[in-house]
């Protein structure tokens, strides 16, 4: 009917105007395309969506690139969140069908109404009819005893219920950090006695001297990450001896402080010792005796980089603002460092977790730039977001500790993460990370 078609189109407009789709135009284009397809009575194929919505060529292979499926998954979550919050008053809801690319309207679920009390004077549930006057008195007594027993049982049940409610009222509700800590991703780190080591990605910098021997400027070189490496550089290049000086200085990206606060709230729920070091202070021996949580930019991984990417489908580009999927050839390039970009830009947040060599667990929270790193920290510290991470992670339900990686495309403005969508998720072979000889004990259900 025409009324139904108009209602579908109007509901899509309301969703767009509400801001539920974030600031990414990709979701808006996808929703509009799916709505128009439904209005025309057809269900598009994945290849058609890739071409018409995302500008892919006819050689796009859905079996090798999950981009359309990931966008559809994220769009479905955004719709669910919208109707659970701002759109909960809508009598009809726009639904993206599972397993196919088709949208439709459905009536909003109606909460079950409580049974209303009967009006005063109205007849209540029928009571057993009175016994005839000619009936012996002994016949009436068992019936009264039965009713008294039922009443006593009801009072007992009521007392138990009141006690349970009172006990739960005395116990404070779990905090957001405690809810996050109980998820499988963090329980592998928090549910034992092993200490926690937080590694914050820092950058070693050294001084460049002018002709008078004064420090002229600070230098950051990706190939020089410690005083020892600077000494080695000058040893193999004697002509540099008078040009550079070790200042015993490192610096942290500003976003690390904000992200660190969110993550520490989760870690401190365990009551376990938490030690914080920078990448430049990291001792490789600590990687076996502690759970390791890395927080920082991808370019500051330092000693951890080889472990993090040894089983990954992603490789880091030379500038560290670029990641490439070696299986699909797809490239993810951050725009955060491009001077010509004004306003919103694209960045990438990376999360990864895998067992370590000593029964410990690694959790990597990183980004190509600040917005991506803050989004990665938000993904693993926000109760609502971490549920979506857990639902989308590969090998969910496997009895071993989590071993996977995820990449989020982040819409940033300034140093703030505005919106994010999952663009890559893959399992990790942790035996490959540690040379194929590491076997981790199974986690009992």
Protein backbone atom coordinates (compact mmCIF):
# COMPACT_ATOMS: atom_id res chain seq x y z
CA UNK A 1 0.00 0.00 0.00
CA UNK A 2 1.14 3.54 -0.71
CA UNK A 3 0.68 4.47 2.96
CA UNK A 4 3.16 1.78 4.01
CA UNK A 5 5.73 2.96 1.45
CA UNK A 6 5.38 6.57 2.60
CA UNK A 7 5.75 5.47 6.24
CA UNK A 8 8.95 3.56 5.43
CA UNK A 9 10.46 6.54 3.65
CA UNK A 10 9.44 8.93 6.45
CA UNK A 11 10.88 6.65 9.14
CA UNK A 12 14.23 6.59 7.31
CA UNK A 13 14.20 10.41 7.19
CA UNK A 14 13.56 10.57 10.92
CA UNK A 15 16.53 8.30 11.59
CA UNK A 16 18.82 10.43 9.44
CA UNK A 17 17.66 13.66 11.13
CA UNK A 18 18.08 12.15 14.61
CA UNK A 19 21.84 11.76 14.20
CA UNK A 20 21.61 8.03 15.01
CA UNK A 21 23.83 7.22 12.02
CA UNK A 22 26.64 9.45 13.23
CA UNK A 23 28.51 11.81 10.96
CA UNK A 24 29.61 9.19 8.47
CA UNK A 25 27.80 9.62 5.14
CA UNK A 26 28.43 5.97 4.33
CA UNK A 27 25.66 4.82 6.65
CA UNK A 28 23.26 7.40 5.26
CA UNK A 29 23.95 6.26 1.68
CA UNK A 30 23.54 2.61 2.67
CA UNK A 31 20.24 3.22 4.45
CA UNK A 32 18.86 5.32 1.58
CA UNK A 33 19.83 2.67 -0.97
CA UNK A 34 18.24 -0.14 1.04
CA UNK A 35 15.06 1.87 1.58
CA UNK A 36 14.70 2.70 -2.12
CA UNK A 37 15.33 -0.94 -3.01
CA UNK A 38 12.59 -2.05 -0.62
CA UNK A 39 10.23 0.59 -2.00
CA UNK A 40 10.83 -0.92 -5.44
CA UNK A 41 10.10 -4.40 -4.12
CA UNK A 42 13.56 -5.91 -4.52
CA UNK A 43 16.43 -7.10 -2.33
CA UNK A 44 19.89 -6.03 -3.63
CA UNK A 45 22.89 -8.33 -3.73
CA UNK A 46 26.12 -7.64 -1.87
CA UNK A 47 28.03 -6.83 -5.06
CA UNK A 48 25.39 -4.31 -6.14
CA UNK A 49 25.64 -2.52 -2.78
CA UNK A 50 29.43 -2.42 -3.01
CA UNK A 51 29.23 -0.79 -6.45
CA UNK A 52 26.27 1.56 -5.97
CA UNK A 53 26.88 2.66 -2.37
CA UNK A 54 30.63 2.38 -1.83
CA UNK A 55 31.91 3.02 -5.36
CA UNK A 56 33.64 -0.35 -5.79
CA UNK A 57 34.35 -1.73 -9.25
CA UNK A 58 32.68 -4.74 -10.87
CA UNK A 59 35.70 -6.85 -9.86
CA UNK A 60 34.77 -6.48 -6.19
CA UNK A 61 34.77 -9.94 -4.58
CA UNK A 62 32.42 -10.23 -1.55
CA UNK A 63 34.00 -13.55 -0.59
CA UNK A 64 37.34 -11.80 -0.06
CA UNK A 65 36.17 -8.42 1.25
CA UNK A 66 33.61 -8.25 4.07
CA UNK A 67 33.14 -4.47 3.86
CA UNK A 68 29.43 -4.58 2.94
CA UNK A 69 28.65 -7.14 5.65
CA UNK A 70 30.50 -5.08 8.23
CA UNK A 71 28.63 -1.91 7.26
CA UNK A 72 25.31 -3.76 7.42
CA UNK A 73 26.19 -5.17 10.85
CA UNK A 74 27.07 -1.71 12.15
CA UNK A 75 23.93 -0.17 10.63
CA UNK A 76 21.76 -2.79 12.33
CA UNK A 77 23.40 -1.96 15.67
CA UNK A 78 22.84 1.75 15.15
CA UNK A 79 19.15 1.14 14.44
CA UNK A 80 18.80 -1.04 17.54
CA UNK A 81 20.46 1.65 19.66
CA UNK A 82 18.23 4.36 18.18
CA UNK A 83 15.02 2.50 19.00
CA UNK A 84 16.28 1.71 22.49
CA UNK A 85 16.91 5.41 23.19
CA UNK A 86 15.66 8.43 21.24
CA UNK A 87 13.38 6.43 18.95
CA UNK A 88 11.71 4.33 21.62
CA UNK A 89 8.47 6.36 21.30
CA UNK A 90 8.05 5.45 17.63
CA UNK A 91 5.03 3.16 17.08
CA UNK A 92 6.80 1.58 14.10
CA UNK A 93 10.47 0.67 13.74
CA UNK A 94 12.65 0.34 10.65
CA UNK A 95 14.33 -3.07 10.72
CA UNK A 96 17.24 -4.40 8.66
CA UNK A 97 16.59 -8.11 8.15
CA UNK A 98 19.28 -10.52 9.25
CA UNK A 99 20.88 -12.56 6.49
CA UNK A 100 19.71 -10.29 3.67
CA UNK A 101 19.86 -6.64 2.62
CA UNK A 102 16.21 -5.72 3.06
CA UNK A 103 14.59 -3.10 5.29
CA UNK A 104 10.98 -3.01 6.42
CA UNK A 105 8.69 -1.50 9.05
CA UNK A 106 7.49 -3.46 12.02
CA UNK A 107 5.32 -2.53 14.97
CA UNK A 108 7.28 -1.54 18.07
CA UNK A 109 7.22 -4.24 20.75
CA UNK A 110 4.56 -3.56 23.35
CA UNK A 111 5.49 -4.04 26.97
CA UNK A 112 3.24 -6.47 28.74
CA UNK A 113 0.71 -4.51 30.72
CA UNK A 114 0.31 -5.21 34.41
CA UNK A 115 -3.03 -6.65 35.44
CA UNK A 116 -5.21 -3.78 36.62
CA UNK A 117 -6.98 -4.13 39.97
CA UNK A 118 -10.69 -4.70 39.84
CA UNK A 119 -12.86 -1.61 40.42
CA UNK A 120 -14.24 -1.21 43.87
CA UNK A 121 -17.40 -3.21 44.26
CA UNK A 122 -16.70 -5.40 41.25
CA UNK A 123 -16.81 -9.15 41.76
CA UNK A 124 -13.44 -10.72 42.48
CA UNK A 125 -12.29 -14.21 41.59
CA UNK A 126 -15.04 -16.58 42.48
CA UNK A 127 -14.69 -18.14 45.90
CA UNK A 128 -15.65 -21.76 46.49
CA UNK A 129 -19.42 -22.03 46.94
CA UNK A 130 -20.57 -22.33 50.54
CA UNK A 131 -21.31 -25.80 51.74
CA UNK A 132 -24.94 -26.71 52.09
CA UNK A 133 -26.30 -26.34 55.59
CA UNK A 134 -27.06 -30.01 55.69
CA UNK A 135 -23.39 -30.96 55.09
CA UNK A 136 -21.52 -32.32 58.10
CA UNK A 137 -19.12 -29.87 59.80
CA UNK A 138 -16.22 -32.34 59.31
CA UNK A 139 -16.40 -31.83 55.53
CA UNK A 140 -15.78 -28.05 55.79
CA UNK A 141 -12.66 -28.27 58.01
CA UNK A 142 -10.26 -29.81 55.41
CA UNK A 143 -11.17 -27.10 52.91
CA UNK A 144 -10.42 -24.38 55.46
CA UNK A 145 -7.13 -26.09 56.38
CA UNK A 146 -6.16 -26.16 52.67
CA UNK A 147 -6.87 -22.46 52.28
CA UNK A 148 -4.88 -21.68 55.43
CA UNK A 149 -1.95 -23.74 54.12
CA UNK A 150 -2.01 -21.91 50.80
CA UNK A 151 -2.13 -18.57 52.60
CA UNK A 152 0.83 -19.56 54.79
CA UNK A 153 2.80 -20.64 51.73
CA UNK A 154 2.01 -17.35 50.01
CA UNK A 155 3.16 -15.38 53.05
CA UNK A 156 6.36 -17.43 53.20
CA UNK A 157 7.07 -16.79 49.50
CA UNK A 158 6.33 -13.11 49.99
CA UNK A 159 8.75 -12.98 52.90
CA UNK A 160 11.50 -14.64 50.85
CA UNK A 161 10.90 -12.22 47.97
CA UNK A 162 11.06 -9.22 50.32
CA UNK A 163 14.29 -10.55 51.78
CA UNK A 164 15.85 -10.98 48.32
CA UNK A 165 14.83 -7.48 47.28
CA UNK A 166 16.13 -5.99 50.52
CA UNK A 167 19.43 -7.84 50.15
CA UNK A 168 19.87 -6.68 46.55
CA UNK A 169 19.02 -3.14 47.61
CA UNK A 170 21.82 -3.26 50.19
CA UNK A 171 24.32 -4.34 47.51
CA UNK A 172 25.34 -1.43 45.24
CA UNK A 173 24.75 -1.89 41.53
CA UNK A 174 27.93 -2.76 39.58
CA UNK A 175 29.75 0.24 38.17
CA UNK A 176 30.34 0.62 34.40
CA UNK A 177 33.97 -0.42 34.94
CA UNK A 178 32.87 -3.59 36.76
CA UNK A 179 30.47 -4.47 33.94
CA UNK A 180 33.32 -4.11 31.44
CA UNK A 181 35.70 -6.11 33.63
CA UNK A 182 33.29 -9.06 33.62
CA UNK A 183 33.38 -9.45 29.82
CA UNK A 184 35.42 -12.32 28.29
CA UNK A 185 37.96 -9.93 26.77
CA UNK A 186 39.00 -8.55 30.16
CA UNK A 187 38.32 -11.56 32.36
CA UNK A 188 41.29 -13.30 30.71
CA UNK A 189 43.42 -10.54 32.29
CA UNK A 190 41.62 -9.90 35.57
CA UNK A 191 40.43 -13.29 36.85
CA UNK A 192 43.70 -14.62 38.27
CA UNK A 193 46.61 -13.56 40.49
CA UNK A 194 49.05 -12.60 37.73
CA UNK A 195 50.11 -8.93 37.93
CA UNK A 196 49.28 -6.44 35.19
CA UNK A 197 51.82 -4.40 33.25
CA UNK A 198 50.51 -1.37 31.36
CA UNK A 199 52.86 -0.29 28.59
CA UNK A 200 52.28 3.27 27.36
CA UNK A 201 53.72 4.06 23.95
CA UNK A 202 56.29 6.84 24.19
CA UNK A 203 58.75 8.36 21.71
CA UNK A 204 62.46 8.73 22.26
CA UNK A 205 63.76 12.11 21.09
CA UNK A 206 67.30 13.44 20.88
CA UNK A 207 68.89 16.79 20.26
CA UNK A 208 70.49 18.11 17.08
CA UNK A 209 73.44 20.44 17.60
CA UNK A 210 74.28 23.53 15.58
CA UNK A 211 77.78 24.64 14.62
CA UNK A 212 78.29 26.27 18.02
CA UNK A 213 77.49 23.01 19.83
CA UNK A 214 74.11 24.23 21.10
CA UNK A 215 70.93 22.22 20.80
CA UNK A 216 69.21 23.54 17.71
CA UNK A 217 66.13 21.31 17.61
CA UNK A 218 64.60 18.06 18.84
CA UNK A 219 64.56 15.04 16.53
CA UNK A 220 62.22 12.06 16.40
CA UNK A 221 63.47 9.21 14.21
CA UNK A 222 61.42 5.99 13.93
CA UNK A 223 64.67 4.00 13.63
CA UNK A 224 66.12 5.43 16.86
CA UNK A 225 64.10 4.52 19.92
CA UNK A 226 66.59 4.55 22.79
CA UNK A 227 69.92 5.96 23.94
CA UNK A 228 71.57 2.69 22.94
CA UNK A 229 70.19 2.90 19.40
CA UNK A 230 71.47 6.49 19.12
CA UNK A 231 74.91 5.28 20.27
CA UNK A 232 74.80 2.48 17.70
CA UNK A 233 73.83 4.95 14.97
CA UNK A 234 76.81 7.19 15.72
CA UNK A 235 79.12 4.19 16.04
CA UNK A 236 78.31 3.07 12.50
CA UNK A 237 78.23 6.66 11.20
CA UNK A 238 81.14 8.49 12.86
CA UNK A 239 80.36 11.66 10.90
CA UNK A 240 77.26 12.07 13.14
CA UNK A 241 79.21 12.21 16.40
CA UNK A 242 79.18 15.98 16.58
CA UNK A 243 75.63 16.41 15.30
CA UNK A 244 73.39 14.64 17.82
CA UNK A 245 73.16 14.42 21.61
CA UNK A 246 71.26 12.10 23.94
CA UNK A 247 68.96 14.23 26.13
CA UNK A 248 67.37 11.33 28.05
CA UNK A 249 63.95 12.56 26.90
CA UNK A 250 60.76 10.88 25.68
CA UNK A 251 57.27 12.24 25.07
CA UNK A 252 53.73 10.84 25.11
CA UNK A 253 50.85 11.71 22.79
CA UNK A 254 48.30 13.82 24.64
CA UNK A 255 45.48 11.38 23.97
CA UNK A 256 47.34 8.69 25.93
CA UNK A 257 46.44 10.40 29.20
CA UNK A 258 42.70 10.40 28.48
CA UNK A 259 42.70 6.82 27.22
CA UNK A 260 44.80 5.65 30.18
CA UNK A 261 42.22 6.93 32.66
CA UNK A 262 39.44 4.90 31.02
CA UNK A 263 41.47 1.70 30.90
CA UNK A 264 42.81 1.97 34.46
CA UNK A 265 39.26 2.21 35.82
CA UNK A 266 38.67 -1.28 34.40
CA UNK A 267 42.00 -2.74 35.55
CA UNK A 268 41.69 -1.47 39.13
CA UNK A 269 38.41 -3.37 39.64
CA UNK A 270 40.49 -6.53 40.09
CA UNK A 271 42.44 -5.22 43.07
CA UNK A 272 45.61 -6.68 41.51
CA UNK A 273 48.94 -4.87 41.26
CA UNK A 274 49.14 -2.64 38.17
CA UNK A 275 52.52 -1.32 37.06
CA UNK A 276 52.88 1.33 34.34
CA UNK A 277 55.97 1.65 32.16
CA UNK A 278 56.71 3.32 28.85
CA UNK A 279 57.73 1.44 25.73
CA UNK A 280 61.28 2.71 26.05
CA UNK A 281 61.50 1.25 29.60
CA UNK A 282 59.98 -2.12 28.70
CA UNK A 283 62.01 -5.18 29.67
CA UNK A 284 61.36 -8.13 27.39
CA UNK A 285 61.50 -10.47 30.41
CA UNK A 286 58.32 -8.83 31.71
CA UNK A 287 56.36 -10.11 28.70
CA UNK A 288 56.14 -13.58 30.26
CA UNK A 289 55.49 -12.84 33.94
CA UNK A 290 52.71 -10.23 33.55
CA UNK A 291 49.50 -9.67 31.72
CA UNK A 292 50.46 -6.95 29.25
CA UNK A 293 48.17 -4.09 28.23
CA UNK A 294 49.57 -1.75 25.58
CA UNK A 295 48.09 1.72 25.16
CA UNK A 296 49.38 4.12 22.52
CA UNK A 297 49.91 4.78 18.84
CA UNK A 298 50.94 2.02 16.45
CA UNK A 299 54.14 3.89 15.74
CA UNK A 300 55.15 3.60 19.42
CA UNK A 301 54.78 -0.19 19.79
CA UNK A 302 58.54 -0.60 19.77
CA UNK A 303 59.54 -4.10 20.96
CA UNK A 304 55.91 -5.24 20.85
CA UNK A 305 55.41 -4.59 17.13
CA UNK A 306 56.77 -7.93 15.91
CA UNK A 307 54.58 -9.89 18.34
CA UNK A 308 51.42 -7.91 17.57
CA UNK A 309 51.69 -8.33 13.79
CA UNK A 310 53.42 -11.71 13.41
CA UNK A 311 50.06 -13.49 12.97
CA UNK A 312 48.12 -10.49 11.68
CA UNK A 313 46.51 -10.03 8.28
CA UNK A 314 47.61 -6.39 8.52
CA UNK A 315 51.01 -4.81 7.96
CA UNK A 316 52.08 -1.31 8.96
CA UNK A 317 53.21 1.11 6.27
CA UNK A 318 56.45 3.06 6.40
CA UNK A 319 54.83 6.21 7.76
CA UNK A 320 52.81 4.30 10.40
CA UNK A 321 49.72 6.19 9.18
CA UNK A 322 48.87 3.29 6.89
CA UNK A 323 47.76 -0.31 7.33
CA UNK A 324 47.38 -2.82 4.50
CA UNK A 325 45.47 -6.10 4.48
CA UNK A 326 47.87 -8.63 2.92
CA UNK A 327 45.02 -10.98 2.00
CA UNK A 328 42.69 -8.52 0.26
CA UNK A 329 45.12 -5.75 -0.68
CA UNK A 330 42.84 -3.16 0.94
CA UNK A 331 44.66 -0.15 2.37
CA UNK A 332 43.61 1.91 5.40
CA UNK A 333 45.27 5.32 5.49
CA UNK A 334 44.78 7.86 8.26
CA UNK A 335 44.03 11.45 7.25
CA UNK A 336 44.80 12.84 10.71
CA UNK A 337 48.29 13.98 9.75
CA UNK A 338 47.43 15.52 6.36
CA UNK A 339 47.69 19.33 6.64
CA UNK A 340 45.24 19.92 3.78
CA UNK A 341 42.40 18.11 5.58
CA UNK A 342 40.12 20.49 7.47
CA UNK A 343 37.12 19.57 9.60
CA UNK A 344 36.31 15.86 9.87
CA UNK A 345 38.94 13.31 8.89
CA UNK A 346 39.43 9.54 8.81
CA UNK A 347 41.56 7.74 11.36
CA UNK A 348 41.91 4.11 12.52
CA UNK A 349 41.64 2.42 15.91
CA UNK A 350 43.21 -1.01 16.42
CA UNK A 351 42.53 -3.56 19.15
CA UNK A 352 44.11 -6.97 19.51
CA UNK A 353 44.32 -9.63 22.21
CA UNK A 354 46.11 -12.97 22.36
CA UNK A 355 47.68 -15.34 24.91
CA UNK A 356 51.28 -14.76 25.89
CA UNK A 357 54.15 -17.22 26.37
CA UNK A 358 53.65 -17.72 30.12
CA UNK A 359 49.93 -18.28 30.58
CA UNK A 360 49.41 -14.53 30.43
CA UNK A 361 47.33 -12.39 28.08
CA UNK A 362 48.17 -9.44 25.82
CA UNK A 363 45.67 -6.64 25.13
CA UNK A 364 46.67 -4.06 22.51
CA UNK A 365 44.79 -0.75 22.41
CA UNK A 366 46.23 1.42 19.65
CA UNK A 367 45.56 3.81 16.80
CA UNK A 368 47.24 5.38 13.83
CA UNK A 369 46.69 8.78 15.47
CA UNK A 370 45.03 10.21 18.60
CA UNK A 371 41.39 9.89 17.48
CA UNK A 372 41.88 6.25 16.54
CA UNK A 373 43.66 5.42 19.79
CA UNK A 374 40.93 7.07 21.88
CA UNK A 375 38.28 5.12 19.97
CA UNK A 376 40.13 1.85 20.63
CA UNK A 377 40.23 2.68 24.35
CA UNK A 378 36.53 3.57 24.28
CA UNK A 379 35.72 0.27 22.56
CA UNK A 380 37.25 -1.72 25.44
CA UNK A 381 36.13 0.48 28.36
CA UNK A 382 32.52 1.41 27.52
CA UNK A 383 29.90 -1.17 28.67
CA UNK A 384 27.71 -0.76 25.58
CA UNK A 385 30.53 -0.70 23.01
CA UNK A 386 32.41 -3.68 24.40
CA UNK A 387 29.27 -5.78 23.99
CA UNK A 388 29.36 -5.09 20.25
CA UNK A 389 33.08 -5.92 20.19
CA UNK A 390 32.44 -9.23 21.94
CA UNK A 391 29.53 -10.04 19.61
CA UNK A 392 31.58 -9.36 16.47
CA UNK A 393 34.91 -10.90 17.51
CA UNK A 394 36.11 -13.97 15.59
CA UNK A 395 36.15 -17.41 17.23
CA UNK A 396 33.53 -16.37 19.75
CA UNK A 397 32.61 -19.37 21.83
CA UNK A 398 35.98 -21.12 21.43
CA UNK A 399 37.10 -22.54 24.77
CA UNK A 400 40.55 -20.98 24.66
CA UNK A 401 41.46 -17.40 25.63
CA UNK A 402 40.51 -14.76 23.04
CA UNK A 403 42.92 -14.32 20.14
CA UNK A 404 41.78 -11.83 17.50
CA UNK A 405 42.32 -8.39 16.01
CA UNK A 406 39.87 -5.66 14.97
CA UNK A 407 40.26 -2.41 13.07
CA UNK A 408 37.81 0.48 13.30
CA UNK A 409 37.51 3.34 10.85
CA UNK A 410 37.07 6.45 12.98
CA UNK A 411 35.61 9.81 12.03
CA UNK A 412 37.67 12.39 13.90
CA UNK A 413 37.53 16.13 14.44
CA UNK A 414 40.43 17.84 16.13
CA UNK A 415 41.68 15.15 18.49
CA UNK A 416 38.19 13.81 19.20
CA UNK A 417 36.70 10.54 17.94
CA UNK A 418 33.15 11.18 16.70
CA UNK A 419 32.04 7.92 15.12
CA UNK A 420 33.44 4.50 14.29
CA UNK A 421 32.66 1.42 12.25
CA UNK A 422 34.28 -1.99 12.15
CA UNK A 423 36.21 -2.54 8.90
CA UNK A 424 38.33 -5.60 9.72
CA UNK A 425 38.13 -8.53 12.13
CA UNK A 426 40.27 -11.66 12.03
CA UNK A 427 41.41 -14.45 14.36
CA UNK A 428 45.05 -14.70 15.43
CA UNK A 429 47.18 -17.84 15.62
CA UNK A 430 48.95 -17.25 18.93
CA UNK A 431 51.15 -20.33 18.45
CA UNK A 432 52.58 -18.59 15.38
CA UNK A 433 53.23 -15.46 17.45
CA UNK A 434 55.52 -17.30 19.84
CA UNK A 435 57.32 -19.46 17.31
CA UNK A 436 54.81 -22.33 17.12
CA UNK A 437 56.00 -23.94 20.36
CA UNK A 438 53.66 -22.22 22.75
CA UNK A 439 50.64 -24.19 23.91
CA UNK A 440 48.17 -22.48 26.22
CA UNK A 441 46.01 -24.42 28.65
CA UNK A 442 42.35 -24.45 27.79
CA UNK A 443 40.01 -22.24 29.74
CA UNK A 444 37.35 -24.32 31.44
CA UNK A 445 33.79 -23.24 30.75
